[in-house]
Amino acid sequence: MRSSFKAIRAALIQPGARKDPRVLARAILAVLLLANIIAAVFVFRPWGGSREEMEQRAVDLQREVQQRQAALARLRSIVGKVETARQAGDDFLSEHFTNQQVAYSTLLEELGQASKEVGIEEREHSFAFEPVEGSDTLGVLKITANYQGSYADLVQFVNRLDRSKRFLIVESLTASPQQNSGVLNVNMKLNAFVQELR
């Protein structure tokens, strides 16, 4: 084929060849043959691949799009759940944890109200504040409280503390009876969680 192109070129270069119609026809046929060969290459082996390869690639891309859309839907669901959990946590903290600035007065008032309602007599209280390890915003208010009253009053008082909306934990409770009376001296250690304000 290369030799035939050389022959055609040599024939076209000769001065008398341009006037000979056979040489001109051969040159045109050679150009058309070359164009057909190039077209055949593109038809039988396209640059992007065969039709089947392109269809398979399209199917793979559609599958990948569906997988990524499913992953995106899962991530959106997780984000929604995280936001719901964060909101629930914030609501829990604001409802059950007292702010540090008003913790002492609020808890004294609540303990005093509960003791009056059940008929147990309030004695002295002491408070100690400790930060919660690993948290920048939470602390524990340790309360030592003394009361005097009957066993039934003490049970009602503990039930009332248990139903308090504050997050109170009874760490220890000791009760000792007074001689020749049905009155108990009660010493309680309570923990109340508070939010530290920075």
C-alpha atoms as a PDB file:
ATOM      1  CA  MET A   1       0.000   0.000   0.000  1.00  0.00           C
ATOM      2  CA  ARG A   2       2.860   2.322   0.851  1.00  0.00           C
ATOM      3  CA  SER A   3       4.458   1.554  -2.520  1.00  0.00           C
ATOM      4  CA  SER A   4       1.207   2.376  -4.331  1.00  0.00           C
ATOM      5  CA  PHE A   5       1.044   5.783  -2.590  1.00  0.00           C
ATOM      6  CA  LYS A   6       4.648   6.405  -3.646  1.00  0.00           C
ATOM      7  CA  ALA A   7       3.784   5.464  -7.198  1.00  0.00           C
ATOM      8  CA  ILE A   8       0.766   7.778  -7.227  1.00  0.00           C
ATOM      9  CA  ARG A   9       2.804  10.602  -5.756  1.00  0.00           C
ATOM     10  CA  ALA A  10       5.576  10.051  -8.277  1.00  0.00           C
ATOM     11  CA  ALA A  11       3.021   9.996 -11.085  1.00  0.00           C
ATOM     12  CA  LEU A  12       1.442  13.269  -9.879  1.00  0.00           C
ATOM     13  CA  ILE A  13       4.792  14.966  -9.584  1.00  0.00           C
ATOM     14  CA  GLN A  14       5.714  14.249 -13.222  1.00  0.00           C
ATOM     15  CA  PRO A  15       4.924  17.219 -15.417  1.00  0.00           C
ATOM     16  CA  GLY A  16       2.714  15.374 -17.876  1.00  0.00           C
ATOM     17  CA  ALA A  17       0.794  13.427 -15.213  1.00  0.00           C
ATOM     18  CA  ARG A  18      -1.432  16.278 -14.215  1.00  0.00           C
ATOM     19  CA  LYS A  19      -2.993  16.300 -17.666  1.00  0.00           C
ATOM     20  CA  ASP A  20      -3.517  12.548 -17.823  1.00  0.00           C
ATOM     21  CA  PRO A  21      -7.049  11.745 -16.525  1.00  0.00           C
ATOM     22  CA  ARG A  22      -6.100   8.194 -15.514  1.00  0.00           C
ATOM     23  CA  VAL A  23      -3.447   9.447 -13.116  1.00  0.00           C
ATOM     24  CA  LEU A  24      -5.849  11.981 -11.666  1.00  0.00           C
ATOM     25  CA  ALA A  25      -8.525   9.285 -11.236  1.00  0.00           C
ATOM     26  CA  ARG A  26      -6.024   7.013  -9.521  1.00  0.00           C
ATOM     27  CA  ALA A  27      -5.045   9.825  -7.128  1.00  0.00           C
ATOM     28  CA  ILE A  28      -8.692  10.518  -6.263  1.00  0.00           C
ATOM     29  CA  LEU A  29      -9.317   6.800  -5.740  1.00  0.00           C
ATOM     30  CA  ALA A  30      -6.257   6.621  -3.490  1.00  0.00           C
ATOM     31  CA  VAL A  31      -7.495   9.554  -1.378  1.00  0.00           C
ATOM     32  CA  LEU A  32     -10.960   7.974  -1.144  1.00  0.00           C
ATOM     33  CA  LEU A  33      -9.415   4.633  -0.182  1.00  0.00           C
ATOM     34  CA  LEU A  34      -7.408   6.333   2.539  1.00  0.00           C
ATOM     35  CA  ALA A  35     -10.536   8.116   3.821  1.00  0.00           C
ATOM     36  CA  ASN A  36     -12.429   4.786   3.854  1.00  0.00           C
ATOM     37  CA  ILE A  37      -9.672   3.106   5.826  1.00  0.00           C
ATOM     38  CA  ILE A  38      -9.688   5.915   8.405  1.00  0.00           C
ATOM     39  CA  ALA A  39     -13.505   5.768   8.629  1.00  0.00           C
ATOM     40  CA  ALA A  40     -13.383   1.981   9.033  1.00  0.00           C
ATOM     41  CA  VAL A  41     -10.940   2.361  11.919  1.00  0.00           C
ATOM     42  CA  PHE A  42     -13.359   4.743  13.673  1.00  0.00           C
ATOM     43  CA  VAL A  43     -16.359   2.482  12.992  1.00  0.00           C
ATOM     44  CA  PHE A  44     -14.828  -0.804  14.092  1.00  0.00           C
ATOM     45  CA  ARG A  45     -12.665   0.541  16.899  1.00  0.00           C
ATOM     46  CA  PRO A  46     -13.999   3.929  18.123  1.00  0.00           C
ATOM     47  CA  TRP A  47     -11.799   5.988  20.445  1.00  0.00           C
ATOM     48  CA  GLY A  48     -14.256   5.746  23.342  1.00  0.00           C
ATOM     49  CA  GLY A  49     -14.663   2.005  23.000  1.00  0.00           C
ATOM     50  CA  SER A  50     -17.243  -0.223  21.397  1.00  0.00           C
ATOM     51  CA  ARG A  51     -20.970   0.259  21.803  1.00  0.00           C
ATOM     52  CA  GLU A  52     -21.155  -2.610  24.300  1.00  0.00           C
ATOM     53  CA  GLU A  53     -18.307  -1.108  26.331  1.00  0.00           C
ATOM     54  CA  MET A  54     -20.016   2.295  26.355  1.00  0.00           C
ATOM     55  CA  GLU A  55     -23.333   0.721  27.434  1.00  0.00           C
ATOM     56  CA  GLN A  56     -21.581  -1.232  30.197  1.00  0.00           C
ATOM     57  CA  ARG A  57     -19.833   1.954  31.341  1.00  0.00           C
ATOM     58  CA  ALA A  58     -23.184   3.777  31.414  1.00  0.00           C
ATOM     59  CA  VAL A  59     -24.724   0.960  33.492  1.00  0.00           C
ATOM     60  CA  ASP A  60     -21.749   1.061  35.904  1.00  0.00           C
ATOM     61  CA  LEU A  61     -22.043   4.831  36.249  1.00  0.00           C
ATOM     62  CA  GLN A  62     -25.796   4.587  36.924  1.00  0.00           C
ATOM     63  CA  ARG A  63     -25.132   1.937  39.587  1.00  0.00           C
ATOM     64  CA  GLU A  64     -22.472   4.169  41.180  1.00  0.00           C
ATOM     65  CA  VAL A  65     -24.869   7.146  41.177  1.00  0.00           C
ATOM     66  CA  GLN A  66     -27.540   5.030  42.899  1.00  0.00           C
ATOM     67  CA  GLN A  67     -25.044   3.834  45.518  1.00  0.00           C
ATOM     68  CA  ARG A  68     -23.907   7.382  46.229  1.00  0.00           C
ATOM     69  CA  GLN A  69     -27.490   8.597  46.464  1.00  0.00           C
ATOM     70  CA  ALA A  70     -28.240   5.808  48.970  1.00  0.00           C
ATOM     71  CA  ALA A  71     -25.129   6.743  50.982  1.00  0.00           C
ATOM     72  CA  LEU A  72     -26.198  10.395  50.918  1.00  0.00           C
ATOM     73  CA  ALA A  73     -29.697   9.448  52.140  1.00  0.00           C
ATOM     74  CA  ARG A  74     -28.130   7.423  55.005  1.00  0.00           C
ATOM     75  CA  LEU A  75     -25.894  10.346  55.936  1.00  0.00           C
ATOM     76  CA  ARG A  76     -28.853  12.737  55.915  1.00  0.00           C
ATOM     77  CA  SER A  77     -30.751  10.330  58.168  1.00  0.00           C
ATOM     78  CA  ILE A  78     -27.784  10.124  60.554  1.00  0.00           C
ATOM     79  CA  VAL A  79     -27.443  13.922  60.586  1.00  0.00           C
ATOM     80  CA  GLY A  80     -31.156  14.203  61.432  1.00  0.00           C
ATOM     81  CA  LYS A  81     -30.770  11.708  64.271  1.00  0.00           C
ATOM     82  CA  VAL A  82     -27.688  13.525  65.606  1.00  0.00           C
ATOM     83  CA  GLU A  83     -29.570  16.833  65.566  1.00  0.00           C
ATOM     84  CA  THR A  84     -32.523  15.214  67.360  1.00  0.00           C
ATOM     85  CA  ALA A  85     -30.176  13.694  69.956  1.00  0.00           C
ATOM     86  CA  ARG A  86     -28.381  17.017  70.436  1.00  0.00           C
ATOM     87  CA  GLN A  87     -31.691  18.804  70.942  1.00  0.00           C
ATOM     88  CA  ALA A  88     -32.878  16.115  73.381  1.00  0.00           C
ATOM     89  CA  GLY A  89     -29.588  16.418  75.297  1.00  0.00           C
ATOM     90  CA  ASP A  90     -29.890  20.200  75.475  1.00  0.00           C
ATOM     91  CA  ASP A  91     -33.501  19.896  76.642  1.00  0.00           C
ATOM     92  CA  PHE A  92     -32.468  17.358  79.308  1.00  0.00           C
ATOM     93  CA  LEU A  93     -29.669  19.624  80.538  1.00  0.00           C
ATOM     94  CA  SER A  94     -31.866  22.711  80.697  1.00  0.00           C
ATOM     95  CA  GLU A  95     -34.685  20.846  82.456  1.00  0.00           C
ATOM     96  CA  HIS A  96     -32.740  18.749  84.989  1.00  0.00           C
ATOM     97  CA  PHE A  97     -29.467  20.628  85.523  1.00  0.00           C
ATOM     98  CA  THR A  98     -29.446  23.924  87.407  1.00  0.00           C
ATOM     99  CA  ASN A  99     -27.283  26.853  86.394  1.00  0.00           C
ATOM    100  CA  GLN A 100     -24.322  27.313  88.707  1.00  0.00           C
ATOM    101  CA  GLN A 101     -25.226  30.929  89.534  1.00  0.00           C
ATOM    102  CA  VAL A 102     -28.602  29.986  91.031  1.00  0.00           C
ATOM    103  CA  ALA A 103     -27.893  26.370  92.053  1.00  0.00           C
ATOM    104  CA  TYR A 104     -27.476  26.994  95.787  1.00  0.00           C
ATOM    105  CA  SER A 105     -30.619  29.064  96.238  1.00  0.00           C
ATOM    106  CA  THR A 106     -32.706  26.897  93.905  1.00  0.00           C
ATOM    107  CA  LEU A 107     -31.750  23.623  95.572  1.00  0.00           C
ATOM    108  CA  LEU A 108     -32.140  25.058  99.099  1.00  0.00           C
ATOM    109  CA  GLU A 109     -35.593  26.279  98.170  1.00  0.00           C
ATOM    110  CA  GLU A 110     -36.560  22.923  96.643  1.00  0.00           C
ATOM    111  CA  LEU A 111     -35.258  20.919  99.623  1.00  0.00           C
ATOM    112  CA  GLY A 112     -36.994  23.318 102.031  1.00  0.00           C
ATOM    113  CA  GLN A 113     -40.292  23.061 100.116  1.00  0.00           C
ATOM    114  CA  ALA A 114     -40.106  19.246 100.082  1.00  0.00           C
ATOM    115  CA  SER A 115     -39.325  19.051 103.809  1.00  0.00           C
ATOM    116  CA  LYS A 116     -42.238  21.375 104.688  1.00  0.00           C
ATOM    117  CA  GLU A 117     -44.691  19.415 102.556  1.00  0.00           C
ATOM    118  CA  VAL A 118     -43.872  16.093 104.257  1.00  0.00           C
ATOM    119  CA  GLY A 119     -43.434  17.506 107.761  1.00  0.00           C
ATOM    120  CA  ILE A 120     -39.747  16.764 108.315  1.00  0.00           C
ATOM    121  CA  GLU A 121     -37.715  19.437 110.116  1.00  0.00           C
ATOM    122  CA  GLU A 122     -34.790  21.042 108.290  1.00  0.00           C
ATOM    123  CA  ARG A 123     -31.454  21.454 110.020  1.00  0.00           C
ATOM    124  CA  GLU A 124     -28.104  22.694 108.700  1.00  0.00           C
ATOM    125  CA  HIS A 125     -26.878  22.294 105.096  1.00  0.00           C
ATOM    126  CA  SER A 126     -23.435  22.472 103.536  1.00  0.00           C
ATOM    127  CA  PHE A 127     -22.425  22.659  99.876  1.00  0.00           C
ATOM    128  CA  ALA A 128     -19.259  21.793  97.969  1.00  0.00           C
ATOM    129  CA  PHE A 129     -18.784  22.270  94.251  1.00  0.00           C
ATOM    130  CA  GLU A 130     -16.618  19.981  92.082  1.00  0.00           C
ATOM    131  CA  PRO A 131     -16.204  20.066  88.294  1.00  0.00           C
ATOM    132  CA  VAL A 132     -17.125  16.909  86.375  1.00  0.00           C
ATOM    133  CA  GLU A 133     -13.984  15.295  85.004  1.00  0.00           C
ATOM    134  CA  GLY A 134     -13.917  15.400  81.210  1.00  0.00           C
ATOM    135  CA  SER A 135     -16.511  18.163  80.885  1.00  0.00           C
ATOM    136  CA  ASP A 136     -15.986  21.890  80.547  1.00  0.00           C
ATOM    137  CA  THR A 137     -19.574  22.845  81.316  1.00  0.00           C
ATOM    138  CA  LEU A 138     -20.822  20.451  84.017  1.00  0.00           C
ATOM    139  CA  GLY A 139     -20.166  20.256  87.722  1.00  0.00           C
ATOM    140  CA  VAL A 140     -21.431  18.382  90.783  1.00  0.00           C
ATOM    141  CA  LEU A 141     -22.831  20.213  93.767  1.00  0.00           C
ATOM    142  CA  LYS A 142     -22.332  17.955  96.785  1.00  0.00           C
ATOM    143  CA  ILE A 143     -24.924  18.697  99.476  1.00  0.00           C
ATOM    144  CA  THR A 144     -24.772  17.503 103.050  1.00  0.00           C
ATOM    145  CA  ALA A 145     -28.159  18.024 104.712  1.00  0.00           C
ATOM    146  CA  ASN A 146     -29.486  17.200 108.155  1.00  0.00           C
ATOM    147  CA  TYR A 147     -33.141  16.634 109.020  1.00  0.00           C
ATOM    148  CA  GLN A 148     -35.252  15.492 111.923  1.00  0.00           C
ATOM    149  CA  GLY A 149     -38.534  13.629 111.663  1.00  0.00           C
ATOM    150  CA  SER A 150     -40.374  10.343 111.829  1.00  0.00           C
ATOM    151  CA  TYR A 151     -39.636   7.318 109.651  1.00  0.00           C
ATOM    152  CA  ALA A 152     -42.825   7.856 107.617  1.00  0.00           C
ATOM    153  CA  ASP A 153     -41.873  11.500 107.019  1.00  0.00           C
ATOM    154  CA  LEU A 154     -38.399  10.421 105.917  1.00  0.00           C
ATOM    155  CA  VAL A 155     -39.825   7.912 103.412  1.00  0.00           C
ATOM    156  CA  GLN A 156     -42.117  10.580 101.948  1.00  0.00           C
ATOM    157  CA  PHE A 157     -39.228  13.043 101.788  1.00  0.00           C
ATOM    158  CA  VAL A 158     -37.008  10.580  99.889  1.00  0.00           C
ATOM    159  CA  ASN A 159     -39.899   9.813  97.490  1.00  0.00           C
ATOM    160  CA  ARG A 160     -40.359  13.524  96.866  1.00  0.00           C
ATOM    161  CA  LEU A 161     -36.641  13.933  96.115  1.00  0.00           C
ATOM    162  CA  ASP A 162     -36.818  10.951  93.779  1.00  0.00           C
ATOM    163  CA  ARG A 163     -39.640  12.608  91.805  1.00  0.00           C
ATOM    164  CA  SER A 164     -37.909  15.975  91.686  1.00  0.00           C
ATOM    165  CA  LYS A 165     -37.328  17.417  88.234  1.00  0.00           C
ATOM    166  CA  ARG A 166     -33.776  18.211  89.328  1.00  0.00           C
ATOM    167  CA  PHE A 167     -31.234  15.481  88.746  1.00  0.00           C
ATOM    168  CA  LEU A 168     -30.609  14.672  92.437  1.00  0.00           C
ATOM    169  CA  ILE A 169     -28.722  11.554  93.513  1.00  0.00           C
ATOM    170  CA  VAL A 170     -28.838  10.373  97.109  1.00  0.00           C
ATOM    171  CA  GLU A 171     -25.259   9.278  97.746  1.00  0.00           C
ATOM    172  CA  SER A 172     -25.799   8.221 101.360  1.00  0.00           C
ATOM    173  CA  LEU A 173     -28.458   8.412 104.049  1.00  0.00           C
ATOM    174  CA  THR A 174     -27.977   7.664 107.725  1.00  0.00           C
ATOM    175  CA  ALA A 175     -30.739   7.804 110.289  1.00  0.00           C
ATOM    176  CA  SER A 176     -30.284   7.426 114.000  1.00  0.00           C
ATOM    177  CA  PRO A 177     -33.180   7.416 116.490  1.00  0.00           C
ATOM    178  CA  GLN A 178     -33.333   9.832 119.426  1.00  0.00           C
ATOM    179  CA  GLN A 179     -33.738   8.108 122.766  1.00  0.00           C
ATOM    180  CA  ASN A 180     -37.282   7.708 124.137  1.00  0.00           C
ATOM    181  CA  SER A 181     -38.952   9.238 121.010  1.00  0.00           C
ATOM    182  CA  GLY A 182     -40.033   8.205 117.523  1.00  0.00           C
ATOM    183  CA  VAL A 183     -37.895  10.932 115.965  1.00  0.00           C
ATOM    184  CA  LEU A 184     -34.928  10.198 113.708  1.00  0.00           C
ATOM    185  CA  ASN A 185     -31.867  12.343 113.153  1.00  0.00           C
ATOM    186  CA  VAL A 186     -31.172  12.068 109.433  1.00  0.00           C
ATOM    187  CA  ASN A 187     -27.947  12.916 107.636  1.00  0.00           C
ATOM    188  CA  MET A 188     -28.116  12.865 103.814  1.00  0.00           C
ATOM    189  CA  LYS A 189     -25.460  13.361 101.192  1.00  0.00           C
ATOM    190  CA  LEU A 190     -26.894  14.427  97.846  1.00  0.00           C
ATOM    191  CA  ASN A 191     -25.308  15.120  94.492  1.00  0.00           C
ATOM    192  CA  ALA A 192     -26.888  17.638  92.144  1.00  0.00           C
ATOM    193  CA  PHE A 193     -25.500  18.270  88.669  1.00  0.00           C
ATOM    194  CA  VAL A 194     -25.152  21.870  87.587  1.00  0.00           C
ATOM    195  CA  GLN A 195     -24.153  23.699  84.420  1.00  0.00           C
ATOM    196  CA  GLU A 196     -21.102  25.873  84.822  1.00  0.00           C
ATOM    197  CA  LEU A 197     -21.374  29.248  83.171  1.00  0.00           C
ATOM    198  CA  ARG A 198     -18.119  30.379  81.563  1.00  0.00           C
END
